């Protein structure tokens, strides 16, 4: 699903114009990014947590040059779904064997 599809879906469900919904979505994403830049987590009850994962320094390879490099320690954004959301998602998925 793209941002445009999310905006259209919310607009359809709420009756709010797409321009206004887009502005709200953009503001939400800006707030989320700014909080995470500051090292803060975001807790959305019933949905999940947006948090920062710390990755340790590790060796990596540049295959095209056949060389080894050290990838420095760094932070990455991550999402952990709430228990209720994860349970419902697991139940809704068909079993693939």
N, C-alpha and C. Protein backbone atom coordinates (compact mmCIF):
# COMPACT_ATOMS: atom_id res chain seq x y z
N UNK A 1 0.85 -1.17 0.00
CA UNK A 1 0.00 0.00 0.00
C UNK A 1 0.90 1.24 0.00
N UNK A 2 0.57 2.19 -0.84
CA UNK A 2 1.35 3.42 -0.93
C UNK A 2 0.71 4.51 -0.07
N UNK A 3 1.45 5.61 0.10
CA UNK A 3 0.93 6.73 0.87
C UNK A 3 -0.35 7.27 0.21
N UNK A 4 -0.36 7.34 -1.11
CA UNK A 4 -1.54 7.83 -1.83
C UNK A 4 -2.75 6.94 -1.57
N UNK A 5 -2.53 5.63 -1.52
CA UNK A 5 -3.62 4.70 -1.24
C UNK A 5 -4.12 4.85 0.20
N UNK A 6 -3.20 5.08 1.12
CA UNK A 6 -3.59 5.30 2.51
C UNK A 6 -4.44 6.56 2.62
N UNK A 7 -3.99 7.63 1.97
CA UNK A 7 -4.73 8.90 1.99
C UNK A 7 -6.12 8.71 1.40
N UNK A 8 -6.21 8.04 0.26
CA UNK A 8 -7.51 7.82 -0.38
C UNK A 8 -8.43 6.99 0.51
N UNK A 9 -7.88 5.97 1.16
CA UNK A 9 -8.67 5.11 2.03
C UNK A 9 -9.19 5.87 3.24
N UNK A 10 -8.34 6.65 3.88
CA UNK A 10 -8.75 7.43 5.05
C UNK A 10 -9.78 8.48 4.64
N UNK A 11 -9.55 9.13 3.51
CA UNK A 11 -10.47 10.15 3.01
C UNK A 11 -11.85 9.55 2.77
N UNK A 12 -11.85 8.37 2.18
CA UNK A 12 -13.12 7.70 1.89
C UNK A 12 -13.85 7.32 3.17
N UNK A 13 -13.12 6.81 4.16
CA UNK A 13 -13.74 6.36 5.41
C UNK A 13 -14.19 7.51 6.30
N UNK A 14 -13.50 8.65 6.25
CA UNK A 14 -13.81 9.75 7.16
C UNK A 14 -14.59 10.88 6.51
N UNK A 15 -14.57 10.96 5.19
CA UNK A 15 -15.25 12.06 4.51
C UNK A 15 -14.43 13.34 4.50
N UNK A 16 -13.18 13.27 4.94
CA UNK A 16 -12.29 14.44 4.93
C UNK A 16 -11.60 14.49 3.58
N UNK A 17 -11.38 15.71 3.08
CA UNK A 17 -10.75 15.86 1.77
C UNK A 17 -9.34 15.29 1.76
N UNK A 18 -8.93 14.79 0.58
CA UNK A 18 -7.62 14.16 0.44
C UNK A 18 -6.48 15.11 0.80
N UNK A 19 -6.62 16.40 0.45
CA UNK A 19 -5.57 17.38 0.76
C UNK A 19 -5.34 17.46 2.27
N UNK A 20 -6.43 17.49 3.02
CA UNK A 20 -6.33 17.59 4.48
C UNK A 20 -5.74 16.31 5.07
N UNK A 21 -6.18 15.17 4.56
CA UNK A 21 -5.64 13.89 5.05
C UNK A 21 -4.15 13.81 4.75
N UNK A 22 -3.74 14.23 3.55
CA UNK A 22 -2.32 14.22 3.19
C UNK A 22 -1.52 15.09 4.14
N UNK A 23 -2.03 16.27 4.49
CA UNK A 23 -1.34 17.16 5.41
C UNK A 23 -1.19 16.50 6.79
N UNK A 24 -2.22 15.80 7.23
CA UNK A 24 -2.18 15.11 8.52
C UNK A 24 -1.16 13.97 8.49
N UNK A 25 -1.17 13.19 7.42
CA UNK A 25 -0.21 12.07 7.29
C UNK A 25 1.22 12.61 7.26
N UNK A 26 1.45 13.68 6.51
CA UNK A 26 2.79 14.28 6.44
C UNK A 26 3.23 14.78 7.81
N UNK A 27 2.32 15.41 8.55
CA UNK A 27 2.64 15.91 9.89
C UNK A 27 2.95 14.74 10.83
N UNK A 28 2.17 13.67 10.75
CA UNK A 28 2.41 12.48 11.57
C UNK A 28 3.79 11.92 11.30
N UNK A 29 4.13 11.76 10.02
CA UNK A 29 5.44 11.20 9.67
C UNK A 29 6.58 12.11 10.13
N UNK A 30 6.37 13.40 10.06
CA UNK A 30 7.38 14.36 10.51
C UNK A 30 7.61 14.23 12.02
N UNK A 31 6.53 14.12 12.77
CA UNK A 31 6.64 13.96 14.23
C UNK A 31 7.36 12.66 14.56
N UNK A 32 6.99 11.58 13.90
CA UNK A 32 7.62 10.28 14.15
C UNK A 32 9.11 10.35 13.86
N UNK A 33 9.47 10.89 12.71
CA UNK A 33 10.90 10.98 12.35
C UNK A 33 11.67 11.83 13.34
N UNK A 34 11.11 12.98 13.72
CA UNK A 34 11.82 13.86 14.65
C UNK A 34 12.03 13.21 16.02
N UNK A 35 11.03 12.51 16.52
CA UNK A 35 11.18 11.82 17.80
C UNK A 35 12.25 10.75 17.70
N UNK A 36 12.25 10.01 16.61
CA UNK A 36 13.23 8.95 16.46
C UNK A 36 14.64 9.51 16.27
N UNK A 37 14.76 10.66 15.60
CA UNK A 37 16.07 11.32 15.48
C UNK A 37 16.61 11.66 16.86
N UNK A 38 15.71 11.98 17.79
CA UNK A 38 16.11 12.33 19.16
C UNK A 38 16.35 11.09 20.02
N UNK A 39 16.18 9.91 19.46
CA UNK A 39 16.42 8.67 20.20
C UNK A 39 15.24 8.20 21.02
N UNK A 40 14.06 8.74 20.75
CA UNK A 40 12.87 8.38 21.52
C UNK A 40 12.05 7.33 20.78
N UNK A 41 11.35 6.50 21.55
CA UNK A 41 10.46 5.48 21.00
C UNK A 41 9.04 6.04 20.90
N UNK A 42 8.25 5.45 20.02
CA UNK A 42 6.86 5.87 19.85
C UNK A 42 5.97 4.66 20.11
N UNK A 43 5.04 4.81 21.04
CA UNK A 43 4.16 3.73 21.44
C UNK A 43 2.75 4.02 20.95
N UNK A 44 2.23 3.16 20.09
CA UNK A 44 0.87 3.30 19.58
C UNK A 44 0.07 2.11 20.10
N UNK A 45 -0.66 2.34 21.18
CA UNK A 45 -1.40 1.27 21.86
C UNK A 45 -2.32 0.54 20.88
N UNK A 46 -2.27 -0.78 20.91
CA UNK A 46 -3.10 -1.60 20.04
C UNK A 46 -2.52 -1.78 18.65
N UNK A 47 -1.43 -1.08 18.34
CA UNK A 47 -0.80 -1.18 17.02
C UNK A 47 0.63 -1.69 17.14
N UNK A 48 1.46 -0.96 17.90
CA UNK A 48 2.84 -1.40 18.08
C UNK A 48 3.75 -0.28 18.51
N UNK A 49 5.05 -0.58 18.53
CA UNK A 49 6.07 0.37 18.96
C UNK A 49 7.06 0.60 17.83
N UNK A 50 7.34 1.86 17.56
CA UNK A 50 8.41 2.23 16.65
C UNK A 50 9.60 2.55 17.54
N UNK A 51 10.68 1.80 17.38
CA UNK A 51 11.83 2.00 18.25
C UNK A 51 13.12 1.96 17.46
N UNK A 52 14.21 2.27 18.14
CA UNK A 52 15.52 2.31 17.50
C UNK A 52 16.30 1.07 17.93
N UNK A 53 16.78 0.33 16.95
CA UNK A 53 17.62 -0.84 17.22
C UNK A 53 19.08 -0.44 17.03
N UNK A 54 19.91 -0.90 17.94
CA UNK A 54 21.34 -0.63 17.83
C UNK A 54 22.01 -1.83 17.17
N UNK A 55 22.71 -1.59 16.10
CA UNK A 55 23.44 -2.64 15.41
C UNK A 55 24.92 -2.53 15.79
N UNK A 56 25.51 -3.64 16.16
CA UNK A 56 26.92 -3.65 16.55
C UNK A 56 27.82 -3.56 15.31
N UNK A 57 29.05 -3.19 15.54
CA UNK A 57 30.05 -3.16 14.47
C UNK A 57 30.25 -4.61 14.00
N UNK A 58 30.38 -4.77 12.67
CA UNK A 58 30.54 -6.13 12.14
C UNK A 58 31.31 -6.11 10.83
N UNK A 59 31.92 -7.23 10.48
CA UNK A 59 32.63 -7.29 9.20
C UNK A 59 31.64 -7.48 8.06
N UNK A 60 31.99 -6.91 6.91
CA UNK A 60 31.18 -7.07 5.71
C UNK A 60 32.09 -7.28 4.52
N UNK A 61 31.49 -7.58 3.37
CA UNK A 61 32.31 -7.82 2.18
C UNK A 61 31.79 -7.01 1.01
N UNK A 62 32.73 -6.52 0.21
CA UNK A 62 32.39 -5.92 -1.07
C UNK A 62 32.75 -6.98 -2.10
N UNK A 63 31.75 -7.68 -2.57
CA UNK A 63 31.97 -8.84 -3.43
C UNK A 63 32.63 -8.45 -4.75
N UNK A 64 32.20 -7.32 -5.32
CA UNK A 64 32.75 -6.93 -6.62
C UNK A 64 34.24 -6.67 -6.57
N UNK A 65 34.75 -6.22 -5.41
CA UNK A 65 36.19 -5.96 -5.27
C UNK A 65 36.89 -7.04 -4.45
N UNK A 66 36.13 -8.01 -3.96
CA UNK A 66 36.66 -9.09 -3.15
C UNK A 66 37.47 -8.57 -1.95
N UNK A 67 36.88 -7.61 -1.23
CA UNK A 67 37.55 -7.06 -0.06
C UNK A 67 36.64 -7.12 1.15
N UNK A 68 37.26 -7.11 2.31
CA UNK A 68 36.52 -7.11 3.57
C UNK A 68 36.56 -5.71 4.16
N UNK A 69 35.42 -5.26 4.69
CA UNK A 69 35.35 -3.95 5.34
C UNK A 69 34.71 -4.12 6.71
N UNK A 70 34.87 -3.13 7.56
CA UNK A 70 34.18 -3.13 8.85
C UNK A 70 33.00 -2.17 8.75
N UNK A 71 31.82 -2.68 9.01
CA UNK A 71 30.62 -1.85 9.03
C UNK A 71 30.51 -1.29 10.44
N UNK A 72 30.50 0.04 10.59
CA UNK A 72 30.47 0.62 11.94
C UNK A 72 29.15 0.37 12.65
N UNK A 73 29.17 0.48 13.98
CA UNK A 73 27.94 0.38 14.76
C UNK A 73 27.00 1.50 14.31
N UNK A 74 25.71 1.20 14.26
CA UNK A 74 24.75 2.20 13.82
C UNK A 74 23.36 1.86 14.36
N UNK A 75 22.47 2.83 14.26
CA UNK A 75 21.09 2.67 14.71
C UNK A 75 20.19 2.55 13.48
N UNK A 76 19.14 1.73 13.62
CA UNK A 76 18.15 1.61 12.55
C UNK A 76 16.75 1.66 13.16
N UNK A 77 15.77 2.19 12.42
CA UNK A 77 14.40 2.19 12.93
C UNK A 77 13.82 0.78 12.82
N UNK A 78 12.96 0.43 13.78
CA UNK A 78 12.35 -0.89 13.79
C UNK A 78 10.91 -0.77 14.29
N UNK A 79 10.12 -1.78 13.98
CA UNK A 79 8.72 -1.81 14.41
C UNK A 79 8.46 -3.13 15.12
N UNK A 80 7.82 -3.06 16.27
CA UNK A 80 7.41 -4.26 16.99
C UNK A 80 5.89 -4.18 17.16
N UNK A 81 5.14 -5.10 16.55
CA UNK A 81 3.68 -5.03 16.67
C UNK A 81 3.22 -5.35 18.08
N UNK A 82 2.06 -4.80 18.46
CA UNK A 82 1.48 -5.12 19.77
C UNK A 82 1.07 -6.59 19.76
N UNK A 83 0.91 -7.15 20.96
CA UNK A 83 0.54 -8.57 21.06
C UNK A 83 -0.80 -8.85 20.38
N UNK A 84 -1.78 -7.97 20.60
CA UNK A 84 -3.11 -8.21 20.01
C UNK A 84 -3.05 -8.13 18.48
N UNK A 85 -2.29 -7.18 17.95
CA UNK A 85 -2.14 -7.02 16.51
C UNK A 85 -1.43 -8.24 15.93
N UNK A 86 -0.36 -8.69 16.57
CA UNK A 86 0.40 -9.83 16.08
C UNK A 86 -0.45 -11.10 16.10
N UNK A 87 -1.21 -11.30 17.18
CA UNK A 87 -2.08 -12.49 17.28
C UNK A 87 -3.11 -12.51 16.16
N UNK A 88 -3.75 -11.36 15.93
CA UNK A 88 -4.78 -11.29 14.89
C UNK A 88 -4.16 -11.51 13.51
N UNK A 89 -3.00 -10.96 13.29
CA UNK A 89 -2.32 -11.13 12.00
C UNK A 89 -1.95 -12.59 11.77
N UNK A 90 -1.45 -13.25 12.80
CA UNK A 90 -1.08 -14.66 12.68
C UNK A 90 -2.30 -15.51 12.37
N UNK A 91 -3.43 -15.23 13.01
CA UNK A 91 -4.66 -15.99 12.77
C UNK A 91 -5.20 -15.79 11.37
N UNK A 92 -4.97 -14.60 10.79
CA UNK A 92 -5.54 -14.29 9.48
C UNK A 92 -4.71 -14.82 8.32
N UNK A 93 -3.50 -15.31 8.57
CA UNK A 93 -2.62 -15.80 7.52
C UNK A 93 -2.87 -17.28 7.25
N UNK A 94 -2.96 -17.66 5.98
CA UNK A 94 -3.10 -19.08 5.67
C UNK A 94 -1.76 -19.80 5.93
N UNK A 95 -1.86 -21.06 6.29
CA UNK A 95 -0.67 -21.85 6.56
C UNK A 95 -0.09 -22.32 5.24
N UNK A 96 1.21 -22.04 5.02
CA UNK A 96 1.90 -22.44 3.80
C UNK A 96 2.80 -23.61 4.15
N UNK A 97 2.65 -24.70 3.43
CA UNK A 97 3.47 -25.88 3.71
C UNK A 97 4.36 -26.21 2.57
